[in-house]
Amino acid sequence: MRRFFLLAACVVVLVGLAGLVLTRPQKMDQSELIGVTPDLARGEVVFHAAGCASCHSAPDAVGEDKFILAGGRRFETDFGTFIAPNISRDPDSGIGSWSALDLANALIHGTGPQGQHYFPAFPYTSYANMTTEDIVSLHAFLSTLPAVGTESKAHEVGFPFNVRRGLGGWKLLFMTPGWVVEGDLNDQQIRGRYLVEALGHCGECHTPRNGLGGLKRDLWLAGAPNPSGKGRIPGLTPDQLDWSEADIAEYLKSGFTPDYDSAGGEMAEVIENTSLLTDGDRLAIAAYLKAVPASSPRLSLE
């Protein structure tokens, strides 16, 4: 009996150690950024396409105030309330002390400079597909924006969801590498896929989630309940959105639908971002959306 309990204790220890290894925060190596040159103009495009201001500026910010990234917006979910942090270049209250590698680790792996897991309210599951060129350029552009000394507020998340180590297990389950839509895409659709699946993180709102908050990738862009509990976020697949590519591109530019209705709510802020992209990028998004299959396990176009 004593030998049995000793063996059981060893198994528990080994399983615990394996769990610690498997759930440890992942990081990039500095060598992956060697030779990558920042481009401020490119960084500004990434800033708008990724919707940085939509989360990290003040809720009522307009115009140049959109570049004041003091954080503070509240996002209520089934797991608690997440509060957007200060990502201005202030070295103490913001991320001014971050290197490009620190930003890359946050965006690609959801890992902070101190080695902590970030909550997936920060959409790193989408940003994980960003290129190093875009990340380095975004880091350079962020460093040109105003420094703000506003302290970030703590998230209002209770046990067990506030156990950061557990997020390592969540990442193992739901940080699926690679693109959702695969197959024979042309160059325009590939650019659109990058803008939708990575930078624009459209799937974070327009794709339903399971009980643990992971995206149901087999229902990609099929629509989802609104996290606020009011209404539903519409689907973007061709069987649900019958607009032409030109209609979609115009909506992303002006906010007007083919029926002359206009974007409202959070989508109005998305339009503020997409309106600052080029006509070519908006058409690329439209081309990609028209190529997304209705719903299949891997969504391959082959």
C-alpha atoms as a PDB file:
ATOM      1  CA  MET A   1       0.000   0.000   0.000  1.00  0.00           C
ATOM      2  CA  ARG A   2       2.853   2.370   0.863  1.00  0.00           C
ATOM      3  CA  ARG A   3       4.465   1.627  -2.478  1.00  0.00           C
ATOM      4  CA  PHE A   4       1.174   2.387  -4.223  1.00  0.00           C
ATOM      5  CA  PHE A   5       0.839   5.798  -2.575  1.00  0.00           C
ATOM      6  CA  LEU A   6       4.468   6.586  -3.355  1.00  0.00           C
ATOM      7  CA  LEU A   7       3.906   5.691  -6.992  1.00  0.00           C
ATOM      8  CA  ALA A   8       0.711   7.762  -7.091  1.00  0.00           C
ATOM      9  CA  ALA A   9       2.541  10.736  -5.595  1.00  0.00           C
ATOM     10  CA  CYS A  10       5.259  10.435  -8.231  1.00  0.00           C
ATOM     11  CA  VAL A  11       2.649  10.354 -10.983  1.00  0.00           C
ATOM     12  CA  VAL A  12       0.971  13.471  -9.574  1.00  0.00           C
ATOM     13  CA  VAL A  13       4.307  15.283  -9.412  1.00  0.00           C
ATOM     14  CA  LEU A  14       5.216  14.287 -12.960  1.00  0.00           C
ATOM     15  CA  VAL A  15       1.815  15.339 -14.293  1.00  0.00           C
ATOM     16  CA  GLY A  16       2.125  18.649 -12.455  1.00  0.00           C
ATOM     17  CA  LEU A  17       5.593  19.280 -13.866  1.00  0.00           C
ATOM     18  CA  ALA A  18       4.394  18.400 -17.365  1.00  0.00           C
ATOM     19  CA  GLY A  19       1.504  20.815 -16.926  1.00  0.00           C
ATOM     20  CA  LEU A  20       3.861  23.587 -15.881  1.00  0.00           C
ATOM     21  CA  VAL A  21       6.028  22.992 -18.926  1.00  0.00           C
ATOM     22  CA  LEU A  22       3.115  22.789 -21.371  1.00  0.00           C
ATOM     23  CA  THR A  23       1.387  25.905 -20.011  1.00  0.00           C
ATOM     24  CA  ARG A  24       4.466  28.105 -19.680  1.00  0.00           C
ATOM     25  CA  PRO A  25       4.305  31.434 -21.547  1.00  0.00           C
ATOM     26  CA  GLN A  26       5.882  31.258 -24.994  1.00  0.00           C
ATOM     27  CA  LYS A  27       8.283  33.881 -26.351  1.00  0.00           C
ATOM     28  CA  MET A  28       9.972  34.738 -29.617  1.00  0.00           C
ATOM     29  CA  ASP A  29      13.709  34.829 -29.978  1.00  0.00           C
ATOM     30  CA  GLN A  30      15.385  38.174 -30.697  1.00  0.00           C
ATOM     31  CA  SER A  31      16.966  36.636 -33.792  1.00  0.00           C
ATOM     32  CA  GLU A  32      13.548  36.551 -35.472  1.00  0.00           C
ATOM     33  CA  LEU A  33      13.579  40.349 -35.677  1.00  0.00           C
ATOM     34  CA  ILE A  34      17.123  40.733 -36.982  1.00  0.00           C
ATOM     35  CA  GLY A  35      17.173  42.688 -40.225  1.00  0.00           C
ATOM     36  CA  VAL A  36      13.561  43.842 -39.938  1.00  0.00           C
ATOM     37  CA  THR A  37      13.449  47.576 -40.628  1.00  0.00           C
ATOM     38  CA  PRO A  38      10.565  49.685 -39.274  1.00  0.00           C
ATOM     39  CA  ASP A  39       8.453  51.692 -41.716  1.00  0.00           C
ATOM     40  CA  LEU A  40       6.384  54.448 -40.075  1.00  0.00           C
ATOM     41  CA  ALA A  41       3.885  54.674 -42.927  1.00  0.00           C
ATOM     42  CA  ARG A  42       3.351  50.939 -42.784  1.00  0.00           C
ATOM     43  CA  GLY A  43       3.041  51.130 -39.007  1.00  0.00           C
ATOM     44  CA  GLU A  44       0.247  53.678 -39.298  1.00  0.00           C
ATOM     45  CA  VAL A  45      -1.662  51.413 -41.681  1.00  0.00           C
ATOM     46  CA  VAL A  46      -1.270  48.533 -39.230  1.00  0.00           C
ATOM     47  CA  PHE A  47      -2.433  50.785 -36.369  1.00  0.00           C
ATOM     48  CA  HIS A  48      -5.694  51.558 -38.165  1.00  0.00           C
ATOM     49  CA  ALA A  49      -6.250  48.097 -39.639  1.00  0.00           C
ATOM     50  CA  ALA A  50      -5.721  46.469 -36.235  1.00  0.00           C
ATOM     51  CA  GLY A  51      -8.162  48.840 -34.538  1.00  0.00           C
ATOM     52  CA  CYS A  52      -5.743  49.887 -31.778  1.00  0.00           C
ATOM     53  CA  ALA A  53      -7.593  53.133 -31.061  1.00  0.00           C
ATOM     54  CA  SER A  54     -10.971  51.406 -30.905  1.00  0.00           C
ATOM     55  CA  CYS A  55      -9.956  49.694 -27.659  1.00  0.00           C
ATOM     56  CA  HIS A  56      -7.248  51.855 -26.152  1.00  0.00           C
ATOM     57  CA  SER A  57      -8.495  55.438 -26.676  1.00  0.00           C
ATOM     58  CA  ALA A  58     -11.208  57.076 -24.600  1.00  0.00           C
ATOM     59  CA  PRO A  59     -14.771  55.944 -25.439  1.00  0.00           C
ATOM     60  CA  ASP A  60     -15.760  59.383 -26.716  1.00  0.00           C
ATOM     61  CA  ALA A  61     -12.473  60.170 -28.471  1.00  0.00           C
ATOM     62  CA  VAL A  62     -12.642  61.752 -31.923  1.00  0.00           C
ATOM     63  CA  GLY A  63     -10.078  63.098 -34.351  1.00  0.00           C
ATOM     64  CA  GLU A  64      -6.567  63.454 -32.979  1.00  0.00           C
ATOM     65  CA  ASP A  65      -7.747  62.273 -29.558  1.00  0.00           C
ATOM     66  CA  LYS A  66      -7.916  58.786 -31.080  1.00  0.00           C
ATOM     67  CA  PHE A  67      -4.120  58.747 -30.834  1.00  0.00           C
ATOM     68  CA  ILE A  68      -4.215  59.241 -27.050  1.00  0.00           C
ATOM     69  CA  LEU A  69      -3.998  55.628 -25.955  1.00  0.00           C
ATOM     70  CA  ALA A  70      -4.633  55.958 -22.221  1.00  0.00           C
ATOM     71  CA  GLY A  71      -6.939  52.934 -22.084  1.00  0.00           C
ATOM     72  CA  GLY A  72      -9.843  52.612 -19.674  1.00  0.00           C
ATOM     73  CA  ARG A  73     -12.582  51.186 -21.868  1.00  0.00           C
ATOM     74  CA  ARG A  74     -14.545  48.412 -20.187  1.00  0.00           C
ATOM     75  CA  PHE A  75     -15.438  45.161 -21.939  1.00  0.00           C
ATOM     76  CA  GLU A  76     -17.980  42.993 -20.130  1.00  0.00           C
ATOM     77  CA  THR A  77     -17.910  39.256 -20.812  1.00  0.00           C
ATOM     78  CA  ASP A  78     -19.152  36.039 -19.243  1.00  0.00           C
ATOM     79  CA  PHE A  79     -15.749  35.698 -17.571  1.00  0.00           C
ATOM     80  CA  GLY A  80     -15.539  39.145 -16.031  1.00  0.00           C
ATOM     81  CA  THR A  81     -14.923  42.742 -17.059  1.00  0.00           C
ATOM     82  CA  PHE A  82     -11.711  43.515 -18.907  1.00  0.00           C
ATOM     83  CA  ILE A  83     -10.367  47.056 -18.921  1.00  0.00           C
ATOM     84  CA  ALA A  84      -8.184  48.195 -21.798  1.00  0.00           C
ATOM     85  CA  PRO A  85      -4.709  49.187 -20.569  1.00  0.00           C
ATOM     86  CA  ASN A  86      -2.642  52.263 -21.344  1.00  0.00           C
ATOM     87  CA  ILE A  87      -0.518  51.485 -24.425  1.00  0.00           C
ATOM     88  CA  SER A  88       0.886  54.982 -24.909  1.00  0.00           C
ATOM     89  CA  ARG A  89       4.645  55.528 -25.024  1.00  0.00           C
ATOM     90  CA  ASP A  90       4.745  56.593 -21.391  1.00  0.00           C
ATOM     91  CA  PRO A  91       7.536  54.409 -19.930  1.00  0.00           C
ATOM     92  CA  ASP A  92       5.860  53.949 -16.543  1.00  0.00           C
ATOM     93  CA  SER A  93       2.106  53.893 -17.142  1.00  0.00           C
ATOM     94  CA  GLY A  94       2.186  52.733 -20.756  1.00  0.00           C
ATOM     95  CA  ILE A  95       4.429  50.588 -22.926  1.00  0.00           C
ATOM     96  CA  GLY A  96       7.121  53.144 -23.675  1.00  0.00           C
ATOM     97  CA  SER A  97       9.777  50.886 -22.169  1.00  0.00           C
ATOM     98  CA  TRP A  98       8.808  47.965 -24.410  1.00  0.00           C
ATOM     99  CA  SER A  99      11.123  46.809 -27.156  1.00  0.00           C
ATOM    100  CA  ALA A 100       9.832  45.623 -30.528  1.00  0.00           C
ATOM    101  CA  LEU A 101      10.410  42.098 -29.211  1.00  0.00           C
ATOM    102  CA  ASP A 102       8.159  42.786 -26.212  1.00  0.00           C
ATOM    103  CA  LEU A 103       5.400  43.917 -28.554  1.00  0.00           C
ATOM    104  CA  ALA A 104       5.939  40.889 -30.778  1.00  0.00           C
ATOM    105  CA  ASN A 105       5.619  38.536 -27.809  1.00  0.00           C
ATOM    106  CA  ALA A 106       2.381  40.219 -26.751  1.00  0.00           C
ATOM    107  CA  LEU A 107       0.867  40.074 -30.236  1.00  0.00           C
ATOM    108  CA  ILE A 108       2.115  36.658 -31.346  1.00  0.00           C
ATOM    109  CA  HIS A 109       2.058  34.708 -28.081  1.00  0.00           C
ATOM    110  CA  GLY A 110      -0.101  36.735 -25.692  1.00  0.00           C
ATOM    111  CA  THR A 111       2.891  36.988 -23.347  1.00  0.00           C
ATOM    112  CA  GLY A 112       3.854  40.083 -21.340  1.00  0.00           C
ATOM    113  CA  PRO A 113       7.389  41.421 -20.732  1.00  0.00           C
ATOM    114  CA  GLN A 114       7.423  39.853 -17.255  1.00  0.00           C
ATOM    115  CA  GLY A 115       6.508  36.474 -18.723  1.00  0.00           C
ATOM    116  CA  GLN A 116       2.808  36.587 -17.774  1.00  0.00           C
ATOM    117  CA  HIS A 117      -0.052  35.267 -19.903  1.00  0.00           C
ATOM    118  CA  TYR A 118      -2.401  37.921 -21.243  1.00  0.00           C
ATOM    119  CA  PHE A 119      -6.151  37.375 -21.193  1.00  0.00           C
ATOM    120  CA  PRO A 120      -7.553  36.632 -24.677  1.00  0.00           C
ATOM    121  CA  ALA A 121      -9.805  39.680 -24.459  1.00  0.00           C
ATOM    122  CA  PHE A 122      -6.662  41.034 -26.131  1.00  0.00           C
ATOM    123  CA  PRO A 123      -7.128  39.295 -29.523  1.00  0.00           C
ATOM    124  CA  TYR A 124      -3.693  37.738 -29.827  1.00  0.00           C
ATOM    125  CA  THR A 125      -5.239  34.574 -31.243  1.00  0.00           C
ATOM    126  CA  SER A 126      -5.784  36.662 -34.393  1.00  0.00           C
ATOM    127  CA  TYR A 127      -2.703  38.868 -34.150  1.00  0.00           C
ATOM    128  CA  ALA A 128      -0.607  35.678 -34.000  1.00  0.00           C
ATOM    129  CA  ASN A 129      -0.639  35.709 -37.806  1.00  0.00           C
ATOM    130  CA  MET A 130       0.908  39.187 -38.052  1.00  0.00           C
ATOM    131  CA  THR A 131       4.207  39.542 -39.885  1.00  0.00           C
ATOM    132  CA  THR A 132       7.320  40.665 -38.039  1.00  0.00           C
ATOM    133  CA  GLU A 133       7.600  43.580 -40.484  1.00  0.00           C
ATOM    134  CA  ASP A 134       4.175  44.845 -39.450  1.00  0.00           C
ATOM    135  CA  ILE A 135       4.918  44.395 -35.745  1.00  0.00           C
ATOM    136  CA  VAL A 136       8.225  46.265 -35.897  1.00  0.00           C
ATOM    137  CA  SER A 137       6.606  49.037 -37.935  1.00  0.00           C
ATOM    138  CA  LEU A 138       3.681  49.284 -35.501  1.00  0.00           C
ATOM    139  CA  HIS A 139       6.142  49.535 -32.598  1.00  0.00           C
ATOM    140  CA  ALA A 140       7.888  52.422 -34.350  1.00  0.00           C
ATOM    141  CA  PHE A 141       4.591  54.205 -35.074  1.00  0.00           C
ATOM    142  CA  LEU A 142       3.344  53.821 -31.492  1.00  0.00           C
ATOM    143  CA  SER A 143       6.526  55.502 -30.296  1.00  0.00           C
ATOM    144  CA  THR A 144       5.522  58.660 -32.202  1.00  0.00           C
ATOM    145  CA  LEU A 145       2.179  59.018 -30.391  1.00  0.00           C
ATOM    146  CA  PRO A 146       1.585  61.040 -27.185  1.00  0.00           C
ATOM    147  CA  ALA A 147       2.743  59.709 -23.824  1.00  0.00           C
ATOM    148  CA  VAL A 148      -0.028  59.573 -21.228  1.00  0.00           C
ATOM    149  CA  GLY A 149       0.584  59.066 -17.500  1.00  0.00           C
ATOM    150  CA  THR A 150      -2.786  57.453 -16.753  1.00  0.00           C
ATOM    151  CA  GLU A 151      -2.372  54.248 -14.765  1.00  0.00           C
ATOM    152  CA  SER A 152      -3.979  51.130 -16.209  1.00  0.00           C
ATOM    153  CA  LYS A 153      -6.788  49.657 -14.130  1.00  0.00           C
ATOM    154  CA  ALA A 154      -6.891  46.041 -13.027  1.00  0.00           C
ATOM    155  CA  HIS A 155      -9.292  43.698 -14.766  1.00  0.00           C
ATOM    156  CA  GLU A 156     -12.360  42.730 -12.759  1.00  0.00           C
ATOM    157  CA  VAL A 157     -12.108  38.961 -13.137  1.00  0.00           C
ATOM    158  CA  GLY A 158     -12.851  36.485 -10.356  1.00  0.00           C
ATOM    159  CA  PHE A 159     -11.602  32.993  -9.561  1.00  0.00           C
ATOM    160  CA  PRO A 160     -10.840  30.731 -11.380  1.00  0.00           C
ATOM    161  CA  PHE A 161     -10.578  32.899 -14.487  1.00  0.00           C
ATOM    162  CA  ASN A 162      -8.043  35.202 -12.832  1.00  0.00           C
ATOM    163  CA  VAL A 163      -5.474  32.392 -12.549  1.00  0.00           C
ATOM    164  CA  ARG A 164      -3.049  33.425 -15.266  1.00  0.00           C
ATOM    165  CA  ARG A 165      -1.279  30.080 -15.419  1.00  0.00           C
ATOM    166  CA  GLY A 166      -4.518  28.483 -16.490  1.00  0.00           C
ATOM    167  CA  LEU A 167      -4.441  30.634 -19.611  1.00  0.00           C
ATOM    168  CA  GLY A 168      -1.552  28.496 -20.791  1.00  0.00           C
ATOM    169  CA  GLY A 169      -3.959  25.571 -20.978  1.00  0.00           C
ATOM    170  CA  TRP A 170      -6.504  27.760 -22.765  1.00  0.00           C
ATOM    171  CA  LYS A 171      -3.882  28.672 -25.346  1.00  0.00           C
ATOM    172  CA  LEU A 172      -3.059  25.005 -25.906  1.00  0.00           C
ATOM    173  CA  LEU A 173      -6.704  24.375 -26.701  1.00  0.00           C
ATOM    174  CA  PHE A 174      -7.603  27.430 -28.742  1.00  0.00           C
ATOM    175  CA  MET A 175      -4.512  29.090 -30.210  1.00  0.00           C
ATOM    176  CA  THR A 176      -4.764  27.219 -33.497  1.00  0.00           C
ATOM    177  CA  PRO A 177      -1.854  28.125 -35.780  1.00  0.00           C
ATOM    178  CA  GLY A 178      -2.312  29.106 -39.394  1.00  0.00           C
ATOM    179  CA  TRP A 179      -5.107  30.559 -41.435  1.00  0.00           C
ATOM    180  CA  VAL A 180      -8.759  29.586 -41.193  1.00  0.00           C
ATOM    181  CA  VAL A 181      -9.548  29.860 -44.904  1.00  0.00           C
ATOM    182  CA  GLU A 182      -7.049  27.925 -47.001  1.00  0.00           C
ATOM    183  CA  GLY A 183      -6.834  26.871 -50.608  1.00  0.00           C
ATOM    184  CA  ASP A 184      -6.313  28.499 -53.982  1.00  0.00           C
ATOM    185  CA  LEU A 185      -6.575  32.201 -53.136  1.00  0.00           C
ATOM    186  CA  ASN A 186      -5.361  34.907 -55.473  1.00  0.00           C
ATOM    187  CA  ASP A 187      -3.096  37.744 -54.320  1.00  0.00           C
ATOM    188  CA  GLN A 188      -6.023  40.066 -53.593  1.00  0.00           C
ATOM    189  CA  GLN A 189      -7.815  37.450 -51.492  1.00  0.00           C
ATOM    190  CA  ILE A 190      -4.591  36.645 -49.620  1.00  0.00           C
ATOM    191  CA  ARG A 191      -4.221  40.328 -48.706  1.00  0.00           C
ATOM    192  CA  GLY A 192      -7.862  40.378 -47.655  1.00  0.00           C
ATOM    193  CA  ARG A 193      -7.373  37.279 -45.533  1.00  0.00           C
ATOM    194  CA  TYR A 194      -4.485  38.942 -43.741  1.00  0.00           C
ATOM    195  CA  LEU A 195      -6.555  42.052 -43.077  1.00  0.00           C
ATOM    196  CA  VAL A 196      -9.595  40.086 -41.872  1.00  0.00           C
ATOM    197  CA  GLU A 197      -8.093  37.105 -40.033  1.00  0.00           C
ATOM    198  CA  ALA A 198      -5.011  38.809 -38.565  1.00  0.00           C
ATOM    199  CA  LEU A 199      -5.004  42.607 -38.352  1.00  0.00           C
ATOM    200  CA  GLY A 200      -8.733  43.287 -38.364  1.00  0.00           C
ATOM    201  CA  HIS A 201      -9.463  40.272 -36.075  1.00  0.00           C
ATOM    202  CA  CYS A 202     -12.995  40.239 -37.485  1.00  0.00           C
ATOM    203  CA  GLY A 203     -13.569  36.684 -36.334  1.00  0.00           C
ATOM    204  CA  GLU A 204     -13.295  37.747 -32.685  1.00  0.00           C
ATOM    205  CA  CYS A 205     -16.771  39.280 -32.924  1.00  0.00           C
ATOM    206  CA  HIS A 206     -18.366  37.638 -35.966  1.00  0.00           C
ATOM    207  CA  THR A 207     -17.570  34.003 -35.025  1.00  0.00           C
ATOM    208  CA  PRO A 208     -19.425  32.143 -32.231  1.00  0.00           C
ATOM    209  CA  ARG A 209     -17.499  30.855 -29.202  1.00  0.00           C
ATOM    210  CA  ASN A 210     -17.706  27.717 -27.127  1.00  0.00           C
ATOM    211  CA  GLY A 211     -18.269  27.592 -23.378  1.00  0.00           C
ATOM    212  CA  LEU A 212     -14.605  28.307 -22.645  1.00  0.00           C
ATOM    213  CA  GLY A 213     -14.456  31.320 -24.918  1.00  0.00           C
ATOM    214  CA  GLY A 214     -12.637  29.636 -27.793  1.00  0.00           C
ATOM    215  CA  LEU A 215     -13.666  30.503 -31.344  1.00  0.00           C
ATOM    216  CA  LYS A 216     -15.678  27.883 -33.224  1.00  0.00           C
ATOM    217  CA  ARG A 217     -13.498  27.999 -36.306  1.00  0.00           C
ATOM    218  CA  ASP A 218     -15.813  25.615 -38.185  1.00  0.00           C
ATOM    219  CA  LEU A 219     -18.401  28.420 -37.995  1.00  0.00           C
ATOM    220  CA  TRP A 220     -15.987  31.108 -39.120  1.00  0.00           C
ATOM    221  CA  LEU A 221     -17.684  34.504 -39.564  1.00  0.00           C
ATOM    222  CA  ALA A 222     -21.098  32.850 -39.252  1.00  0.00           C
ATOM    223  CA  GLY A 223     -22.354  35.446 -36.749  1.00  0.00           C
ATOM    224  CA  ALA A 224     -22.466  35.328 -32.969  1.00  0.00           C
ATOM    225  CA  PRO A 225     -24.379  36.545 -29.916  1.00  0.00           C
ATOM    226  CA  ASN A 226     -23.447  40.064 -28.880  1.00  0.00           C
ATOM    227  CA  PRO A 227     -21.296  39.882 -25.702  1.00  0.00           C
ATOM    228  CA  SER A 228     -23.404  42.694 -24.263  1.00  0.00           C
ATOM    229  CA  GLY A 229     -26.384  40.351 -24.331  1.00  0.00           C
ATOM    230  CA  LYS A 230     -28.275  42.651 -26.672  1.00  0.00           C
ATOM    231  CA  GLY A 231     -28.919  41.351 -30.151  1.00  0.00           C
ATOM    232  CA  ARG A 232     -26.664  39.385 -32.452  1.00  0.00           C
ATOM    233  CA  ILE A 233     -23.562  40.193 -34.438  1.00  0.00           C
ATOM    234  CA  PRO A 234     -24.331  39.371 -38.082  1.00  0.00           C
ATOM    235  CA  GLY A 235     -22.627  36.728 -40.171  1.00  0.00           C
ATOM    236  CA  LEU A 236     -20.292  37.757 -42.984  1.00  0.00           C
ATOM    237  CA  THR A 237     -20.299  34.589 -45.092  1.00  0.00           C
ATOM    238  CA  PRO A 238     -21.660  34.918 -48.664  1.00  0.00           C
ATOM    239  CA  ASP A 239     -24.805  32.967 -47.809  1.00  0.00           C
ATOM    240  CA  GLN A 240     -25.671  35.616 -45.200  1.00  0.00           C
ATOM    241  CA  LEU A 241     -24.203  38.773 -46.729  1.00  0.00           C
ATOM    242  CA  ASP A 242     -25.414  39.120 -50.313  1.00  0.00           C
ATOM    243  CA  TRP A 243     -23.716  42.448 -51.026  1.00  0.00           C
ATOM    244  CA  SER A 244     -21.387  42.768 -53.990  1.00  0.00           C
ATOM    245  CA  GLU A 245     -17.660  43.305 -53.472  1.00  0.00           C
ATOM    246  CA  ALA A 246     -18.181  46.957 -54.428  1.00  0.00           C
ATOM    247  CA  ASP A 247     -20.974  47.267 -51.831  1.00  0.00           C
ATOM    248  CA  ILE A 248     -18.743  45.830 -49.095  1.00  0.00           C
ATOM    249  CA  ALA A 249     -15.842  48.107 -50.021  1.00  0.00           C
ATOM    250  CA  GLU A 250     -18.099  51.157 -50.004  1.00  0.00           C
ATOM    251  CA  TYR A 251     -19.521  50.209 -46.608  1.00  0.00           C
ATOM    252  CA  LEU A 252     -16.000  49.925 -45.214  1.00  0.00           C
ATOM    253  CA  LYS A 253     -15.241  53.387 -46.607  1.00  0.00           C
ATOM    254  CA  SER A 254     -18.389  55.397 -45.864  1.00  0.00           C
ATOM    255  CA  GLY A 255     -20.404  53.242 -43.457  1.00  0.00           C
ATOM    256  CA  PHE A 256     -23.393  53.271 -45.819  1.00  0.00           C
ATOM    257  CA  THR A 257     -25.120  50.035 -46.783  1.00  0.00           C
ATOM    258  CA  PRO A 258     -26.547  49.406 -50.282  1.00  0.00           C
ATOM    259  CA  ASP A 259     -29.944  50.376 -48.798  1.00  0.00           C
ATOM    260  CA  TYR A 260     -28.517  53.710 -47.569  1.00  0.00           C
ATOM    261  CA  ASP A 261     -28.619  52.666 -43.947  1.00  0.00           C
ATOM    262  CA  SER A 262     -25.532  53.503 -41.899  1.00  0.00           C
ATOM    263  CA  ALA A 263     -23.251  51.638 -39.513  1.00  0.00           C
ATOM    264  CA  GLY A 264     -23.978  52.064 -35.831  1.00  0.00           C
ATOM    265  CA  GLY A 265     -22.671  50.947 -32.458  1.00  0.00           C
ATOM    266  CA  GLU A 266     -19.227  49.397 -32.347  1.00  0.00           C
ATOM    267  CA  MET A 267     -19.246  48.900 -36.114  1.00  0.00           C
ATOM    268  CA  ALA A 268     -19.171  52.661 -36.544  1.00  0.00           C
ATOM    269  CA  GLU A 269     -15.741  52.640 -34.908  1.00  0.00           C
ATOM    270  CA  VAL A 270     -14.611  49.844 -37.190  1.00  0.00           C
ATOM    271  CA  ILE A 271     -15.617  51.986 -40.164  1.00  0.00           C
ATOM    272  CA  GLU A 272     -13.533  54.841 -38.776  1.00  0.00           C
ATOM    273  CA  ASN A 273     -10.545  52.519 -39.051  1.00  0.00           C
ATOM    274  CA  THR A 274     -11.303  50.905 -42.415  1.00  0.00           C
ATOM    275  CA  SER A 275     -12.095  54.288 -43.962  1.00  0.00           C
ATOM    276  CA  LEU A 276      -8.414  55.142 -43.450  1.00  0.00           C
ATOM    277  CA  LEU A 277      -7.236  52.147 -45.483  1.00  0.00           C
ATOM    278  CA  THR A 278      -6.648  52.274 -49.223  1.00  0.00           C
ATOM    279  CA  ASP A 279      -9.345  51.441 -51.748  1.00  0.00           C
ATOM    280  CA  GLY A 280      -7.222  48.428 -52.671  1.00  0.00           C
ATOM    281  CA  ASP A 281      -7.247  47.102 -49.112  1.00  0.00           C
ATOM    282  CA  ARG A 282     -10.988  47.565 -48.744  1.00  0.00           C
ATOM    283  CA  LEU A 283     -11.549  45.697 -52.032  1.00  0.00           C
ATOM    284  CA  ALA A 284      -9.185  42.975 -50.808  1.00  0.00           C
ATOM    285  CA  ILE A 285     -11.313  42.532 -47.676  1.00  0.00           C
ATOM    286  CA  ALA A 286     -14.423  42.303 -49.855  1.00  0.00           C
ATOM    287  CA  ALA A 287     -12.802  39.747 -52.176  1.00  0.00           C
ATOM    288  CA  TYR A 288     -11.829  37.590 -49.213  1.00  0.00           C
ATOM    289  CA  LEU A 289     -15.304  37.737 -47.650  1.00  0.00           C
ATOM    290  CA  LYS A 290     -16.894  36.632 -50.918  1.00  0.00           C
ATOM    291  CA  ALA A 291     -14.515  33.646 -50.938  1.00  0.00           C
ATOM    292  CA  VAL A 292     -15.286  32.415 -47.405  1.00  0.00           C
ATOM    293  CA  PRO A 293     -17.287  29.157 -47.536  1.00  0.00           C
ATOM    294  CA  ALA A 294     -20.518  28.999 -45.555  1.00  0.00           C
ATOM    295  CA  SER A 295     -19.350  26.507 -42.880  1.00  0.00           C
ATOM    296  CA  SER A 296     -17.114  23.454 -43.090  1.00  0.00           C
ATOM    297  CA  PRO A 297     -14.599  21.917 -40.655  1.00  0.00           C
ATOM    298  CA  ARG A 298     -11.443  23.413 -42.200  1.00  0.00           C
ATOM    299  CA  LEU A 299     -12.988  25.881 -44.666  1.00  0.00           C
ATOM    300  CA  SER A 300     -10.700  24.886 -47.535  1.00  0.00           C
ATOM    301  CA  LEU A 301     -11.420  26.308 -50.964  1.00  0.00           C
ATOM    302  CA  GLU A 302      -9.895  23.282 -52.717  1.00  0.00           C
END
